[in-house]
């Protein structure tokens, strides 16, 4: 029988890498099988050796996250106070005369 996969540790860590390592550690503890743990070890090693970017790293370890939870931009329509007041008055007039 093969040995179980062990969690990696690193000596020199800056703040961004420490945050990434924290995510790695949580995912590693939650991993069910050795394949998942090996993938996590490979991802954190590549990040430490700067073979992949942080964005690629996080997309690699968050494979199970749905697209609905990912960040997306949405357009916010705004209006000035004067325009808003005019529109409200117009709607009130229309309601009043129906």
C-alpha atoms as a PDB file:
ATOM      1  CA  UNK A   1       0.000   0.000   0.000  1.00  0.00           C
ATOM      2  CA  UNK A   2       1.308   3.460  -0.855  1.00  0.00           C
ATOM      3  CA  UNK A   3       2.023   6.166   1.668  1.00  0.00           C
ATOM      4  CA  UNK A   4      -0.574   8.822   2.298  1.00  0.00           C
ATOM      5  CA  UNK A   5       0.001  12.255   0.814  1.00  0.00           C
ATOM      6  CA  UNK A   6       1.414  14.760   3.297  1.00  0.00           C
ATOM      7  CA  UNK A   7       0.731  18.474   3.530  1.00  0.00           C
ATOM      8  CA  UNK A   8       3.584  20.645   2.264  1.00  0.00           C
ATOM      9  CA  UNK A   9       5.156  23.519   4.191  1.00  0.00           C
ATOM     10  CA  UNK A  10       7.304  26.401   2.992  1.00  0.00           C
ATOM     11  CA  UNK A  11       9.913  28.568   4.720  1.00  0.00           C
ATOM     12  CA  UNK A  12       9.674  31.936   2.981  1.00  0.00           C
ATOM     13  CA  UNK A  13       6.138  33.250   2.554  1.00  0.00           C
ATOM     14  CA  UNK A  14       4.910  36.744   1.776  1.00  0.00           C
ATOM     15  CA  UNK A  15       1.393  37.904   2.627  1.00  0.00           C
ATOM     16  CA  UNK A  16      -0.218  36.843  -0.677  1.00  0.00           C
ATOM     17  CA  UNK A  17       1.382  33.436  -0.513  1.00  0.00           C
ATOM     18  CA  UNK A  18       0.325  33.022   3.119  1.00  0.00           C
ATOM     19  CA  UNK A  19      -3.294  33.666   2.110  1.00  0.00           C
ATOM     20  CA  UNK A  20      -2.997  31.162  -0.739  1.00  0.00           C
ATOM     21  CA  UNK A  21      -1.385  28.659   1.625  1.00  0.00           C
ATOM     22  CA  UNK A  22      -4.285  29.104   4.058  1.00  0.00           C
ATOM     23  CA  UNK A  23      -6.733  28.178   1.310  1.00  0.00           C
ATOM     24  CA  UNK A  24      -4.527  25.246   0.327  1.00  0.00           C
ATOM     25  CA  UNK A  25      -4.443  24.035   3.914  1.00  0.00           C
ATOM     26  CA  UNK A  26      -8.241  24.153   4.278  1.00  0.00           C
ATOM     27  CA  UNK A  27      -8.779  22.338   0.981  1.00  0.00           C
ATOM     28  CA  UNK A  28      -6.130  19.761   1.864  1.00  0.00           C
ATOM     29  CA  UNK A  29      -7.817  18.981   5.185  1.00  0.00           C
ATOM     30  CA  UNK A  30     -11.187  18.595   3.434  1.00  0.00           C
ATOM     31  CA  UNK A  31      -9.847  16.458   0.583  1.00  0.00           C
ATOM     32  CA  UNK A  32     -11.345  12.990   0.405  1.00  0.00           C
ATOM     33  CA  UNK A  33      -8.735  11.068  -1.574  1.00  0.00           C
ATOM     34  CA  UNK A  34      -5.044  11.130  -2.443  1.00  0.00           C
ATOM     35  CA  UNK A  35      -5.632  12.360  -5.999  1.00  0.00           C
ATOM     36  CA  UNK A  36      -7.162  15.599  -4.744  1.00  0.00           C
ATOM     37  CA  UNK A  37      -4.314  16.049  -2.285  1.00  0.00           C
ATOM     38  CA  UNK A  38      -1.728  15.478  -5.023  1.00  0.00           C
ATOM     39  CA  UNK A  39      -3.419  18.093  -7.220  1.00  0.00           C
ATOM     40  CA  UNK A  40      -3.373  20.580  -4.347  1.00  0.00           C
ATOM     41  CA  UNK A  41       0.303  19.866  -3.643  1.00  0.00           C
ATOM     42  CA  UNK A  42       1.141  20.351  -7.311  1.00  0.00           C
ATOM     43  CA  UNK A  43      -0.773  23.638  -7.484  1.00  0.00           C
ATOM     44  CA  UNK A  44       0.847  25.153  -4.379  1.00  0.00           C
ATOM     45  CA  UNK A  45       4.299  24.017  -5.533  1.00  0.00           C
ATOM     46  CA  UNK A  46       3.816  25.659  -8.926  1.00  0.00           C
ATOM     47  CA  UNK A  47       2.642  28.840  -7.217  1.00  0.00           C
ATOM     48  CA  UNK A  48       5.668  28.847  -4.917  1.00  0.00           C
ATOM     49  CA  UNK A  49       8.041  28.426  -7.860  1.00  0.00           C
ATOM     50  CA  UNK A  50       6.047  31.109  -9.741  1.00  0.00           C
ATOM     51  CA  UNK A  51       5.125  28.809 -12.626  1.00  0.00           C
ATOM     52  CA  UNK A  52       1.468  29.888 -12.375  1.00  0.00           C
ATOM     53  CA  UNK A  53      -0.221  33.112 -11.308  1.00  0.00           C
ATOM     54  CA  UNK A  54      -2.407  33.561  -8.245  1.00  0.00           C
ATOM     55  CA  UNK A  55      -5.512  33.773 -10.423  1.00  0.00           C
ATOM     56  CA  UNK A  56      -4.676  30.431 -12.064  1.00  0.00           C
ATOM     57  CA  UNK A  57      -3.912  28.925  -8.674  1.00  0.00           C
ATOM     58  CA  UNK A  58      -7.264  29.941  -7.192  1.00  0.00           C
ATOM     59  CA  UNK A  59      -9.155  28.730 -10.258  1.00  0.00           C
ATOM     60  CA  UNK A  60      -7.334  25.393  -9.957  1.00  0.00           C
ATOM     61  CA  UNK A  61      -8.157  24.801  -6.308  1.00  0.00           C
ATOM     62  CA  UNK A  62     -11.747  26.080  -6.603  1.00  0.00           C
ATOM     63  CA  UNK A  63     -12.870  23.669  -9.293  1.00  0.00           C
ATOM     64  CA  UNK A  64     -16.036  22.693  -7.439  1.00  0.00           C
ATOM     65  CA  UNK A  65     -17.229  26.284  -6.994  1.00  0.00           C
ATOM     66  CA  UNK A  66     -20.221  27.077  -9.162  1.00  0.00           C
ATOM     67  CA  UNK A  67     -20.088  29.885 -11.693  1.00  0.00           C
ATOM     68  CA  UNK A  68     -22.850  31.671  -9.820  1.00  0.00           C
ATOM     69  CA  UNK A  69     -20.447  32.311  -6.930  1.00  0.00           C
ATOM     70  CA  UNK A  70     -17.724  33.784  -9.094  1.00  0.00           C
ATOM     71  CA  UNK A  71     -17.223  37.523  -9.320  1.00  0.00           C
ATOM     72  CA  UNK A  72     -18.948  39.273 -12.170  1.00  0.00           C
ATOM     73  CA  UNK A  73     -19.549  42.886 -12.985  1.00  0.00           C
ATOM     74  CA  UNK A  74     -23.031  44.230 -13.353  1.00  0.00           C
ATOM     75  CA  UNK A  75     -24.050  47.569 -14.734  1.00  0.00           C
ATOM     76  CA  UNK A  76     -25.640  49.982 -12.314  1.00  0.00           C
ATOM     77  CA  UNK A  77     -27.943  52.548 -13.863  1.00  0.00           C
ATOM     78  CA  UNK A  78     -28.021  55.813 -11.991  1.00  0.00           C
ATOM     79  CA  UNK A  79     -29.814  59.084 -12.383  1.00  0.00           C
ATOM     80  CA  UNK A  80     -29.439  62.505 -10.946  1.00  0.00           C
ATOM     81  CA  UNK A  81     -31.728  63.690  -8.207  1.00  0.00           C
ATOM     82  CA  UNK A  82     -33.415  66.152 -10.564  1.00  0.00           C
ATOM     83  CA  UNK A  83     -34.108  63.468 -13.186  1.00  0.00           C
ATOM     84  CA  UNK A  84     -35.380  61.090 -10.534  1.00  0.00           C
ATOM     85  CA  UNK A  85     -37.759  63.719  -9.152  1.00  0.00           C
ATOM     86  CA  UNK A  86     -39.066  64.539 -12.612  1.00  0.00           C
ATOM     87  CA  UNK A  87     -39.718  60.863 -13.359  1.00  0.00           C
ATOM     88  CA  UNK A  88     -41.505  60.408 -10.033  1.00  0.00           C
ATOM     89  CA  UNK A  89     -43.698  63.455 -10.643  1.00  0.00           C
ATOM     90  CA  UNK A  90     -44.528  62.221 -14.133  1.00  0.00           C
ATOM     91  CA  UNK A  91     -45.515  58.785 -12.798  1.00  0.00           C
ATOM     92  CA  UNK A  92     -47.654  60.371 -10.080  1.00  0.00           C
ATOM     93  CA  UNK A  93     -49.455  62.539 -12.674  1.00  0.00           C
ATOM     94  CA  UNK A  94     -50.132  59.501 -14.809  1.00  0.00           C
ATOM     95  CA  UNK A  95     -51.525  57.589 -11.812  1.00  0.00           C
ATOM     96  CA  UNK A  96     -53.649  60.535 -10.722  1.00  0.00           C
ATOM     97  CA  UNK A  97     -55.299  60.960 -14.121  1.00  0.00           C
ATOM     98  CA  UNK A  98     -56.036  57.324 -14.877  1.00  0.00           C
END
